[in-house]
PDB file of N, CA and C in Angstrom:
ATOM      1  N   MET A   1      31.138-217.444 156.088  1.00  0.00           N
ATOM      2  CA  MET A   1      32.196-218.031 155.284  1.00  0.00           C
ATOM      3  C   MET A   1      31.592-219.000 154.272  1.00  0.00           C
ATOM      4  N   VAL A   2      31.963-218.876 153.014  1.00  0.00           N
ATOM      5  CA  VAL A   2      31.481-219.765 151.964  1.00  0.00           C
ATOM      6  C   VAL A   2      32.396-220.977 151.891  1.00  0.00           C
ATOM      7  N   LYS A   3      31.801-222.149 151.929  1.00  0.00           N
ATOM      8  CA  LYS A   3      32.590-223.388 151.878  1.00  0.00           C
ATOM      9  C   LYS A   3      33.008-223.693 150.448  1.00  0.00           C
ATOM     10  N   SER A   4      34.077-224.454 150.314  1.00  0.00           N
ATOM     11  CA  SER A   4      34.519-224.876 148.990  1.00  0.00           C
ATOM     12  C   SER A   4      33.564-225.919 148.449  1.00  0.00           C
ATOM     13  N   LYS A   5      33.723-226.243 147.187  1.00  0.00           N
ATOM     14  CA  LYS A   5      32.885-227.245 146.530  1.00  0.00           C
ATOM     15  C   LYS A   5      32.903-228.563 147.304  1.00  0.00           C
ATOM     16  N   GLU A   6      34.059-228.963 147.776  1.00  0.00           N
ATOM     17  CA  GLU A   6      34.196-230.229 148.481  1.00  0.00           C
ATOM     18  C   GLU A   6      33.509-230.187 149.852  1.00  0.00           C
ATOM     19  N   GLU A   7      33.515-229.011 150.476  1.00  0.00           N
ATOM     20  CA  GLU A   7      32.953-228.880 151.813  1.00  0.00           C
ATOM     21  C   GLU A   7      31.439-228.637 151.798  1.00  0.00           C
ATOM     22  N   MET A   8      30.905-228.196 150.669  1.00  0.00           N
ATOM     23  CA  MET A   8      29.497-227.838 150.586  1.00  0.00           C
ATOM     24  C   MET A   8      28.617-229.082 150.641  1.00  0.00           C
ATOM     25  N   SER A   9      27.851-229.179 151.688  1.00  0.00           N
ATOM     26  CA  SER A   9      26.897-230.268 151.823  1.00  0.00           C
ATOM     27  C   SER A   9      25.531-229.776 151.373  1.00  0.00           C
ATOM     28  N   GLN A  10      24.882-230.551 150.551  1.00  0.00           N
ATOM     29  CA  GLN A  10      23.559-230.176 150.071  1.00  0.00           C
ATOM     30  C   GLN A  10      22.568-230.082 151.224  1.00  0.00           C
ATOM     31  N   VAL A  11      22.660-231.009 152.155  1.00  0.00           N
ATOM     32  CA  VAL A  11      21.771-230.998 153.318  1.00  0.00           C
ATOM     33  C   VAL A  11      22.035-229.756 154.164  1.00  0.00           C
ATOM     34  N   ASP A  12      23.304-229.398 154.343  1.00  0.00           N
ATOM     35  CA  ASP A  12      23.643-228.189 155.102  1.00  0.00           C
ATOM     36  C   ASP A  12      23.028-226.955 154.458  1.00  0.00           C
ATOM     37  N   LEU A  13      23.038-226.906 153.145  1.00  0.00           N
ATOM     38  CA  LEU A  13      22.482-225.762 152.432  1.00  0.00           C
ATOM     39  C   LEU A  13      20.971-225.671 152.642  1.00  0.00           C
ATOM     40  N   ILE A  14      20.286-226.793 152.595  1.00  0.00           N
ATOM     41  CA  ILE A  14      18.839-226.805 152.846  1.00  0.00           C
ATOM     42  C   ILE A  14      18.567-226.317 154.267  1.00  0.00           C
ATOM     43  N   MET A  15      19.319-226.851 155.222  1.00  0.00           N
ATOM     44  CA  MET A  15      19.113-226.448 156.615  1.00  0.00           C
ATOM     45  C   MET A  15      19.474-224.976 156.835  1.00  0.00           C
ATOM     46  N   GLU A  16      20.445-224.478 156.107  1.00  0.00           N
ATOM     47  CA  GLU A  16      20.799-223.059 156.201  1.00  0.00           C
ATOM     48  C   GLU A  16      19.579-222.193 155.883  1.00  0.00           C
ATOM     49  N   TYR A  17      18.868-222.550 154.815  1.00  0.00           N
ATOM     50  CA  TYR A  17      17.681-221.780 154.421  1.00  0.00           C
ATOM     51  C   TYR A  17      16.593-221.859 155.486  1.00  0.00           C
ATOM     52  N   PHE A  18      16.330-223.067 155.973  1.00  0.00           N
ATOM     53  CA  PHE A  18      15.295-223.222 156.991  1.00  0.00           C
ATOM     54  C   PHE A  18      15.680-222.513 158.288  1.00  0.00           C
ATOM     55  N   LYS A  19      16.943-222.548 158.662  1.00  0.00           N
ATOM     56  CA  LYS A  19      17.377-221.889 159.896  1.00  0.00           C
ATOM     57  C   LYS A  19      17.290-220.370 159.784  1.00  0.00           C
ATOM     58  N   LYS A  20      17.420-219.848 158.571  1.00  0.00           N
ATOM     59  CA  LYS A  20      17.249-218.415 158.350  1.00  0.00           C
ATOM     60  C   LYS A  20      15.769-218.030 158.373  1.00  0.00           C
ATOM     61  N   ASN A  21      14.906-219.032 158.289  1.00  0.00           N
ATOM     62  CA  ASN A  21      13.455-218.818 158.276  1.00  0.00           C
ATOM     63  C   ASN A  21      12.782-219.724 159.309  1.00  0.00           C
ATOM     64  N   PRO A  22      13.186-219.619 160.585  1.00  0.00           N
ATOM     65  CA  PRO A  22      12.651-220.546 161.591  1.00  0.00           C
ATOM     66  C   PRO A  22      11.150-220.367 161.798  1.00  0.00           C
ATOM     67  N   LYS A  23      10.495-221.490 162.026  1.00  0.00           N
ATOM     68  CA  LYS A  23       9.061-221.546 162.345  1.00  0.00           C
ATOM     69  C   LYS A  23       8.172-221.002 161.224  1.00  0.00           C
ATOM     70  N   ARG A  24       8.721-220.856 160.036  1.00  0.00           N
ATOM     71  CA  ARG A  24       7.949-220.385 158.883  1.00  0.00           C
ATOM     72  C   ARG A  24       7.605-221.580 158.011  1.00  0.00           C
ATOM     73  N   GLU A  25       6.343-221.694 157.637  1.00  0.00           N
ATOM     74  CA  GLU A  25       5.920-222.780 156.760  1.00  0.00           C
ATOM     75  C   GLU A  25       6.329-222.423 155.336  1.00  0.00           C
ATOM     76  N   ILE A  26       7.214-223.251 154.775  1.00  0.00           N
ATOM     77  CA  ILE A  26       7.805-222.953 153.465  1.00  0.00           C
ATOM     78  C   ILE A  26       7.337-223.984 152.451  1.00  0.00           C
ATOM     79  N   LYS A  27       6.803-223.488 151.352  1.00  0.00           N
ATOM     80  CA  LYS A  27       6.345-224.378 150.284  1.00  0.00           C
ATOM     81  C   LYS A  27       7.543-224.937 149.536  1.00  0.00           C
ATOM     82  N   HIS A  28       7.386-226.167 149.118  1.00  0.00           N
ATOM     83  CA  HIS A  28       8.438-226.928 148.450  1.00  0.00           C
ATOM     84  C   HIS A  28       9.123-226.163 147.306  1.00  0.00           C
ATOM     85  N   PRO A  29       8.361-225.576 146.369  1.00  0.00           N
ATOM     86  CA  PRO A  29       9.039-224.887 145.258  1.00  0.00           C
ATOM     87  C   PRO A  29       9.964-223.753 145.705  1.00  0.00           C
ATOM     88  N   GLU A  30       9.594-223.051 146.757  1.00  0.00           N
ATOM     89  CA  GLU A  30      10.424-221.946 147.242  1.00  0.00           C
ATOM     90  C   GLU A  30      11.790-222.439 147.697  1.00  0.00           C
ATOM     91  N   ILE A  31      11.807-223.483 148.497  1.00  0.00           N
ATOM     92  CA  ILE A  31      13.087-223.991 149.008  1.00  0.00           C
ATOM     93  C   ILE A  31      13.900-224.629 147.884  1.00  0.00           C
ATOM     94  N   VAL A  32      13.241-225.392 147.014  1.00  0.00           N
ATOM     95  CA  VAL A  32      13.958-226.045 145.910  1.00  0.00           C
ATOM     96  C   VAL A  32      14.594-225.011 144.991  1.00  0.00           C
ATOM     97  N   ASP A  33      13.846-223.979 144.615  1.00  0.00           N
ATOM     98  CA  ASP A  33      14.389-222.946 143.728  1.00  0.00           C
ATOM     99  C   ASP A  33      15.603-222.261 144.355  1.00  0.00           C
ATOM    100  N   TRP A  34      15.504-221.920 145.643  1.00  0.00           N
ATOM    101  CA  TRP A  34      16.616-221.245 146.311  1.00  0.00           C
ATOM    102  C   TRP A  34      17.831-222.155 146.417  1.00  0.00           C
ATOM    103  N   VAL A  35      17.614-223.386 146.853  1.00  0.00           N
ATOM    104  CA  VAL A  35      18.724-224.318 147.070  1.00  0.00           C
ATOM    105  C   VAL A  35      19.447-224.624 145.758  1.00  0.00           C
ATOM    106  N   VAL A  36      18.699-224.868 144.702  1.00  0.00           N
ATOM    107  CA  VAL A  36      19.313-225.175 143.399  1.00  0.00           C
ATOM    108  C   VAL A  36      20.153-223.992 142.917  1.00  0.00           C
ATOM    109  N   ALA A  37      19.588-222.778 142.992  1.00  0.00           N
ATOM    110  CA  ALA A  37      20.316-221.590 142.530  1.00  0.00           C
ATOM    111  C   ALA A  37      21.537-221.304 143.401  1.00  0.00           C
ATOM    112  N   GLU A  38      21.374-221.412 144.719  1.00  0.00           N
ATOM    113  CA  GLU A  38      22.468-221.122 145.643  1.00  0.00           C
ATOM    114  C   GLU A  38      23.590-222.151 145.528  1.00  0.00           C
ATOM    115  N   TYR A  39      23.236-223.417 145.370  1.00  0.00           N
ATOM    116  CA  TYR A  39      24.244-224.470 145.221  1.00  0.00           C
ATOM    117  C   TYR A  39      25.051-224.247 143.939  1.00  0.00           C
ATOM    118  N   GLN A  40      24.351-223.897 142.872  1.00  0.00           N
ATOM    119  CA  GLN A  40      25.023-223.610 141.590  1.00  0.00           C
ATOM    120  C   GLN A  40      25.979-222.428 141.749  1.00  0.00           C
ATOM    121  N   LYS A  41      25.520-221.392 142.417  1.00  0.00           N
ATOM    122  CA  LYS A  41      26.335-220.197 142.615  1.00  0.00           C
ATOM    123  C   LYS A  41      27.580-220.503 143.456  1.00  0.00           C
ATOM    124  N   ARG A  42      27.411-221.299 144.504  1.00  0.00           N
ATOM    125  CA  ARG A  42      28.528-221.567 145.419  1.00  0.00           C
ATOM    126  C   ARG A  42      29.503-222.622 144.910  1.00  0.00           C
ATOM    127  N   THR A  43      28.993-223.616 144.184  1.00  0.00           N
ATOM    128  CA  THR A  43      29.872-224.733 143.802  1.00  0.00           C
ATOM    129  C   THR A  43      30.134-224.837 142.303  1.00  0.00           C
ATOM    130  N   GLY A  44      29.276-224.222 141.507  1.00  0.00           N
ATOM    131  CA  GLY A  44      29.418-224.347 140.054  1.00  0.00           C
ATOM    132  C   GLY A  44      28.870-225.662 139.517  1.00  0.00           C
ATOM    133  N   THR A  45      28.217-226.445 140.386  1.00  0.00           N
ATOM    134  CA  THR A  45      27.627-227.710 139.958  1.00  0.00           C
ATOM    135  C   THR A  45      26.128-227.713 140.256  1.00  0.00           C
ATOM    136  N   VAL A  46      25.456-228.713 139.722  1.00  0.00           N
ATOM    137  CA  VAL A  46      24.002-228.803 139.856  1.00  0.00           C
ATOM    138  C   VAL A  46      23.632-229.656 141.063  1.00  0.00           C
ATOM    139  N   PHE A  47      22.673-229.184 141.837  1.00  0.00           N
ATOM    140  CA  PHE A  47      22.099-229.940 142.955  1.00  0.00           C
ATOM    141  C   PHE A  47      21.084-230.877 142.319  1.00  0.00           C
ATOM    142  N   ARG A  48      21.408-232.162 142.277  1.00  0.00           N
ATOM    143  CA  ARG A  48      20.634-233.137 141.502  1.00  0.00           C
ATOM    144  C   ARG A  48      19.261-233.498 142.060  1.00  0.00           C
ATOM    145  N   ASP A  49      19.119-233.682 143.359  1.00  0.00           N
ATOM    146  CA  ASP A  49      17.838-234.164 143.881  1.00  0.00           C
ATOM    147  C   ASP A  49      17.492-233.517 145.220  1.00  0.00           C
ATOM    148  N   PRO A  50      17.158-232.221 145.200  1.00  0.00           N
ATOM    149  CA  PRO A  50      16.818-231.565 146.463  1.00  0.00           C
ATOM    150  C   PRO A  50      15.569-232.155 147.114  1.00  0.00           C
ATOM    151  N   ASP A  51      14.657-232.695 146.310  1.00  0.00           N
ATOM    152  CA  ASP A  51      13.428-233.291 146.846  1.00  0.00           C
ATOM    153  C   ASP A  51      13.760-234.425 147.820  1.00  0.00           C
ATOM    154  N   ARG A  52      14.656-235.275 147.425  1.00  0.00           N
ATOM    155  CA  ARG A  52      15.045-236.413 148.261  1.00  0.00           C
ATOM    156  C   ARG A  52      15.676-235.934 149.569  1.00  0.00           C
ATOM    157  N   ALA A  53      16.536-234.927 149.473  1.00  0.00           N
ATOM    158  CA  ALA A  53      17.208-234.415 150.674  1.00  0.00           C
ATOM    159  C   ALA A  53      16.200-233.786 151.641  1.00  0.00           C
ATOM    160  N   ILE A  54      15.213-233.078 151.119  1.00  0.00           N
ATOM    161  CA  ILE A  54      14.189-232.463 151.970  1.00  0.00           C
ATOM    162  C   ILE A  54      13.351-233.546 152.640  1.00  0.00           C
ATOM    163  N   ARG A  55      12.952-234.553 151.892  1.00  0.00           N
ATOM    164  CA  ARG A  55      12.180-235.660 152.475  1.00  0.00           C
ATOM    165  C   ARG A  55      12.982-236.355 153.572  1.00  0.00           C
ATOM    166  N   LYS A  56      14.272-236.567 153.317  1.00  0.00           N
ATOM    167  CA  LYS A  56      15.123-237.234 154.299  1.00  0.00           C
ATOM    168  C   LYS A  56      15.211-236.417 155.592  1.00  0.00           C
ATOM    169  N   LEU A  57      15.364-235.112 155.473  1.00  0.00           N
ATOM    170  CA  LEU A  57      15.414-234.250 156.654  1.00  0.00           C
ATOM    171  C   LEU A  57      14.103-234.319 157.433  1.00  0.00           C
ATOM    172  N   SER A  58      13.010-234.415 156.726  1.00  0.00           N
ATOM    173  CA  SER A  58      11.709-234.544 157.376  1.00  0.00           C
ATOM    174  C   SER A  58      11.589-235.891 158.078  1.00  0.00           C
ATOM    175  N   GLN A  59      12.017-236.945 157.412  1.00  0.00           N
ATOM    176  CA  GLN A  59      11.945-238.287 157.998  1.00  0.00           C
ATOM    177  C   GLN A  59      12.845-238.409 159.222  1.00  0.00           C
ATOM    178  N   GLU A  60      13.955-237.678 159.235  1.00  0.00           N
ATOM    179  CA  GLU A  60      14.880-237.693 160.372  1.00  0.00           C
ATOM    180  C   GLU A  60      14.402-236.814 161.519  1.00  0.00           C
ATOM    181  N   GLY A  61      13.346-236.046 161.276  1.00  0.00           N
ATOM    182  CA  GLY A  61      12.805-235.178 162.316  1.00  0.00           C
ATOM    183  C   GLY A  61      13.452-233.808 162.400  1.00  0.00           C
ATOM    184  N   GLN A  62      14.300-233.463 161.441  1.00  0.00           N
ATOM    185  CA  GLN A  62      14.933-232.147 161.458  1.00  0.00           C
ATOM    186  C   GLN A  62      14.002-231.074 160.906  1.00  0.00           C
ATOM    187  N   LEU A  63      13.085-231.494 160.042  1.00  0.00           N
ATOM    188  CA  LEU A  63      12.062-230.597 159.504  1.00  0.00           C
ATOM    189  C   LEU A  63      10.696-231.166 159.845  1.00  0.00           C
ATOM    190  N   ILE A  64       9.723-230.301 159.982  1.00  0.00           N
ATOM    191  CA  ILE A  64       8.357-230.723 160.251  1.00  0.00           C
ATOM    192  C   ILE A  64       7.578-230.620 158.943  1.00  0.00           C
ATOM    193  N   LYS A  65       6.942-231.708 158.556  1.00  0.00           N
ATOM    194  CA  LYS A  65       6.104-231.684 157.365  1.00  0.00           C
ATOM    195  C   LYS A  65       4.720-231.203 157.785  1.00  0.00           C
ATOM    196  N   ILE A  66       4.329-230.041 157.314  1.00  0.00           N
ATOM    197  CA  ILE A  66       3.052-229.434 157.669  1.00  0.00           C
ATOM    198  C   ILE A  66       1.930-230.039 156.831  1.00  0.00           C
ATOM    199  N   SER A  67       2.174-230.136 155.554  1.00  0.00           N
ATOM    200  CA  SER A  67       1.231-230.750 154.617  1.00  0.00           C
ATOM    201  C   SER A  67       2.030-231.126 153.376  1.00  0.00           C
ATOM    202  N   LYS A  68       1.369-231.657 152.385  1.00  0.00           N
ATOM    203  CA  LYS A  68       2.094-232.068 151.180  1.00  0.00           C
ATOM    204  C   LYS A  68       2.834-230.866 150.583  1.00  0.00           C
ATOM    205  N   GLY A  69       4.148-230.988 150.555  1.00  0.00           N
ATOM    206  CA  GLY A  69       4.973-229.946 149.953  1.00  0.00           C
ATOM    207  C   GLY A  69       5.204-228.715 150.808  1.00  0.00           C
ATOM    208  N   VAL A  70       4.862-228.773 152.086  1.00  0.00           N
ATOM    209  CA  VAL A  70       5.078-227.634 152.981  1.00  0.00           C
ATOM    210  C   VAL A  70       5.838-228.124 154.213  1.00  0.00           C
ATOM    211  N   TYR A  71       6.982-227.483 154.485  1.00  0.00           N
ATOM    212  CA  TYR A  71       7.847-227.896 155.585  1.00  0.00           C
ATOM    213  C   TYR A  71       8.179-226.704 156.472  1.00  0.00           C
ATOM    214  N   LYS A  72       8.590-227.013 157.712  1.00  0.00           N
ATOM    215  CA  LYS A  72       8.943-225.974 158.660  1.00  0.00           C
ATOM    216  C   LYS A  72      10.093-226.477 159.526  1.00  0.00           C
ATOM    217  N   TYR A  73      10.962-225.562 159.907  1.00  0.00           N
ATOM    218  CA  TYR A  73      12.038-225.851 160.854  1.00  0.00           C
ATOM    219  C   TYR A  73      11.691-225.167 162.169  1.00  0.00           C
ATOM    220  N   ASP A  74      11.708-225.914 163.244  1.00  0.00           N
ATOM    221  CA  ASP A  74      11.436-225.359 164.567  1.00  0.00           C
ATOM    222  C   ASP A  74      12.649-225.624 165.448  1.00  0.00           C
ATOM    223  N   PRO A  75      13.447-224.585 165.729  1.00  0.00           N
ATOM    224  CA  PRO A  75      14.655-224.793 166.532  1.00  0.00           C
ATOM    225  C   PRO A  75      14.350-225.232 167.963  1.00  0.00           C
ATOM    226  N   ASP A  76      13.114-225.046 168.406  1.00  0.00           N
ATOM    227  CA  ASP A  76      12.737-225.456 169.756  1.00  0.00           C
ATOM    228  C   ASP A  76      12.419-226.942 169.848  1.00  0.00           C
ATOM    229  N   LEU A  77      12.253-227.606 168.714  1.00  0.00           N
ATOM    230  CA  LEU A  77      11.943-229.033 168.690  1.00  0.00           C
ATOM    231  C   LEU A  77      13.239-229.802 168.956  1.00  0.00           C
ATOM    232  N   ILE A  78      13.291-230.496 170.065  1.00  0.00           N
ATOM    233  CA  ILE A  78      14.509-231.208 170.464  1.00  0.00           C
ATOM    234  C   ILE A  78      14.692-232.484 169.655  1.00  0.00           C
ATOM    235  N   GLY A  79      13.637-233.194 169.444  1.00  0.00           N
ATOM    236  CA  GLY A  79      13.673-234.449 168.704  1.00  0.00           C
ATOM    237  C   GLY A  79      12.287-235.034 168.688  1.00  0.00           C
ATOM    238  N   GLY A  80      12.109-236.131 168.032  1.00  0.00           N
ATOM    239  CA  GLY A  80      10.791-236.738 167.919  1.00  0.00           C
ATOM    240  C   GLY A  80      10.137-236.334 166.615  1.00  0.00           C
ATOM    241  N   LEU A  81       8.832-236.285 166.636  1.00  0.00           N
ATOM    242  CA  LEU A  81       8.100-236.061 165.399  1.00  0.00           C
ATOM    243  C   LEU A  81       6.826-235.294 165.677  1.00  0.00           C
ATOM    244  N   VAL A  82       6.527-234.317 164.815  1.00  0.00           N
ATOM    245  CA  VAL A  82       5.258-233.601 164.862  1.00  0.00           C
ATOM    246  C   VAL A  82       4.669-233.682 163.471  1.00  0.00           C
ATOM    247  N   ILE A  83       3.472-234.268 163.374  1.00  0.00           N
ATOM    248  CA  ILE A  83       2.809-234.428 162.077  1.00  0.00           C
ATOM    249  C   ILE A  83       1.431-233.807 162.164  1.00  0.00           C
ATOM    250  N   GLN A  84       1.072-233.020 161.162  1.00  0.00           N
ATOM    251  CA  GLN A  84      -0.267-232.453 161.101  1.00  0.00           C
ATOM    252  C   GLN A  84      -0.886-232.798 159.769  1.00  0.00           C
ATOM    253  N   VAL A  85      -2.064-233.398 159.828  1.00  0.00           N
ATOM    254  CA  VAL A  85      -2.834-233.715 158.628  1.00  0.00           C
ATOM    255  C   VAL A  85      -4.201-233.085 158.825  1.00  0.00           C
ATOM    256  N   GLY A  86      -4.478-232.055 158.054  1.00  0.00           N
ATOM    257  CA  GLY A  86      -5.722-231.333 158.245  1.00  0.00           C
ATOM    258  C   GLY A  86      -5.742-230.715 159.628  1.00  0.00           C
ATOM    259  N   SER A  87      -6.790-230.996 160.381  1.00  0.00           N
ATOM    260  CA  SER A  87      -6.906-230.438 161.728  1.00  0.00           C
ATOM    261  C   SER A  87      -6.369-231.376 162.805  1.00  0.00           C
ATOM    262  N   VAL A  88      -5.847-232.528 162.405  1.00  0.00           N
ATOM    263  CA  VAL A  88      -5.331-233.509 163.367  1.00  0.00           C
ATOM    264  C   VAL A  88      -3.808-233.384 163.465  1.00  0.00           C
ATOM    265  N   MET A  89      -3.314-233.223 164.704  1.00  0.00           N
ATOM    266  CA  MET A  89      -1.875-233.134 164.916  1.00  0.00           C
ATOM    267  C   MET A  89      -1.432-234.236 165.872  1.00  0.00           C
ATOM    268  N   VAL A  90      -0.369-234.927 165.491  1.00  0.00           N
ATOM    269  CA  VAL A  90       0.245-235.933 166.348  1.00  0.00           C
ATOM    270  C   VAL A  90       1.611-235.385 166.734  1.00  0.00           C
ATOM    271  N   ASP A  91       1.838-235.226 168.035  1.00  0.00           N
ATOM    272  CA  ASP A  91       3.078-234.641 168.533  1.00  0.00           C
ATOM    273  C   ASP A  91       3.772-235.641 169.451  1.00  0.00           C
ATOM    274  N   THR A  92       4.846-236.238 168.956  1.00  0.00           N
ATOM    275  CA  THR A  92       5.640-237.168 169.770  1.00  0.00           C
ATOM    276  C   THR A  92       7.018-236.574 170.052  1.00  0.00           C
ATOM    277  N   SER A  93       7.101-235.234 170.000  1.00  0.00           N
ATOM    278  CA  SER A  93       8.393-234.587 170.202  1.00  0.00           C
ATOM    279  C   SER A  93       8.852-234.724 171.650  1.00  0.00           C
ATOM    280  N   ILE A  94      10.152-234.734 171.816  1.00  0.00           N
ATOM    281  CA  ILE A  94      10.743-234.818 173.147  1.00  0.00           C
ATOM    282  C   ILE A  94      10.383-233.568 173.949  1.00  0.00           C
ATOM    283  N   LYS A  95      10.344-232.425 173.274  1.00  0.00           N
ATOM    284  CA  LYS A  95       9.984-231.179 173.948  1.00  0.00           C
ATOM    285  C   LYS A  95       8.606-231.295 174.600  1.00  0.00           C
ATOM    286  N   THR A  96       7.625-231.814 173.877  1.00  0.00           N
ATOM    287  CA  THR A  96       6.279-231.964 174.411  1.00  0.00           C
ATOM    288  C   THR A  96       6.249-232.978 175.546  1.00  0.00           C
ATOM    289  N   LYS A  97       6.982-234.071 175.388  1.00  0.00           N
ATOM    290  CA  LYS A  97       7.037-235.078 176.452  1.00  0.00           C
ATOM    291  C   LYS A  97       7.661-234.503 177.714  1.00  0.00           C
ATOM    292  N   LEU A  98       8.712-233.680 177.570  1.00  0.00           N
ATOM    293  CA  LEU A  98       9.347-233.056 178.734  1.00  0.00           C
ATOM    294  C   LEU A  98       8.403-232.074 179.420  1.00  0.00           C
ATOM    295  N   LYS A  99       7.661-231.312 178.622  1.00  0.00           N
ATOM    296  CA  LYS A  99       6.692-230.380 179.199  1.00  0.00           C
ATOM    297  C   LYS A  99       5.616-231.129 179.971  1.00  0.00           C
ATOM    298  N   GLN A 100       5.145-232.248 179.425  1.00  0.00           N
ATOM    299  CA  GLN A 100       4.119-233.048 180.096  1.00  0.00           C
ATOM    300  C   GLN A 100       4.675-233.650 181.395  1.00  0.00           C
ATOM    301  N   LEU A 101       5.910-234.116 181.350  1.00  0.00           N
ATOM    302  CA  LEU A 101       6.554-234.669 182.539  1.00  0.00           C
ATOM    303  C   LEU A 101       6.690-233.598 183.625  1.00  0.00           C
ATOM    304  N   GLN A 102       7.126-232.410 183.222  1.00  0.00           N
ATOM    305  CA  GLN A 102       7.248-231.298 184.155  1.00  0.00           C
ATOM    306  C   GLN A 102       5.894-230.957 184.778  1.00  0.00           C
ATOM    307  N   LYS A 103       4.865-230.904 183.964  1.00  0.00           N
ATOM    308  CA  LYS A 103       3.504-230.619 184.449  1.00  0.00           C
ATOM    309  C   LYS A 103       3.062-231.677 185.457  1.00  0.00           C
ATOM    310  N   ASN A 104       3.313-232.940 185.149  1.00  0.00           N
ATOM    311  CA  ASN A 104       2.939-234.027 186.048  1.00  0.00           C
ATOM    312  C   ASN A 104       3.692-233.956 187.369  1.00  0.00           C
ATOM    313  N   MET A 105       4.962-233.589 187.321  1.00  0.00           N
ATOM    314  CA  MET A 105       5.766-233.493 188.545  1.00  0.00           C
ATOM    315  C   MET A 105       5.275-232.342 189.431  1.00  0.00           C
ATOM    316  N   ILE A 106       4.916-231.232 188.805  1.00  0.00           N
ATOM    317  CA  ILE A 106       4.413-230.083 189.557  1.00  0.00           C
ATOM    318  C   ILE A 106       3.075-230.413 190.218  1.00  0.00           C
ATOM    319  N   GLU A 107       2.227-231.144 189.505  1.00  0.00           N
ATOM    320  CA  GLU A 107       0.907-231.495 190.020  1.00  0.00           C
ATOM    321  C   GLU A 107       0.968-232.566 191.106  1.00  0.00           C
ATOM    322  N   SER A 108       2.053-233.320 191.155  1.00  0.00           N
ATOM    323  CA  SER A 108       2.160-234.414 192.146  1.00  0.00           C
ATOM    324  C   SER A 108       2.501-233.928 193.523  1.00  0.00           C
TER     325      SER A 108
END
């Protein structure tokens, strides 16, 4: 179902694209081009700042920032943060913490 102009959330549209492409590393220009064109098609108005919305989703932990300008949506990530810079990855996700807790309980 296509939402009306009033119901169309820019953030929802970005997440729609990522959810259709789960666990795929998507370069910034690809998502921006799609979101701008799709928003225009659905609402007849211009999506003013998709960059800000994508950064916000990453900061909120809804998207994983793989590297500069590359993001990924992982539906298995419950919450927390996963950051990778080069070969170094910091994983503070709840999913990883739960797995570690489960492992510790089994070993005890």
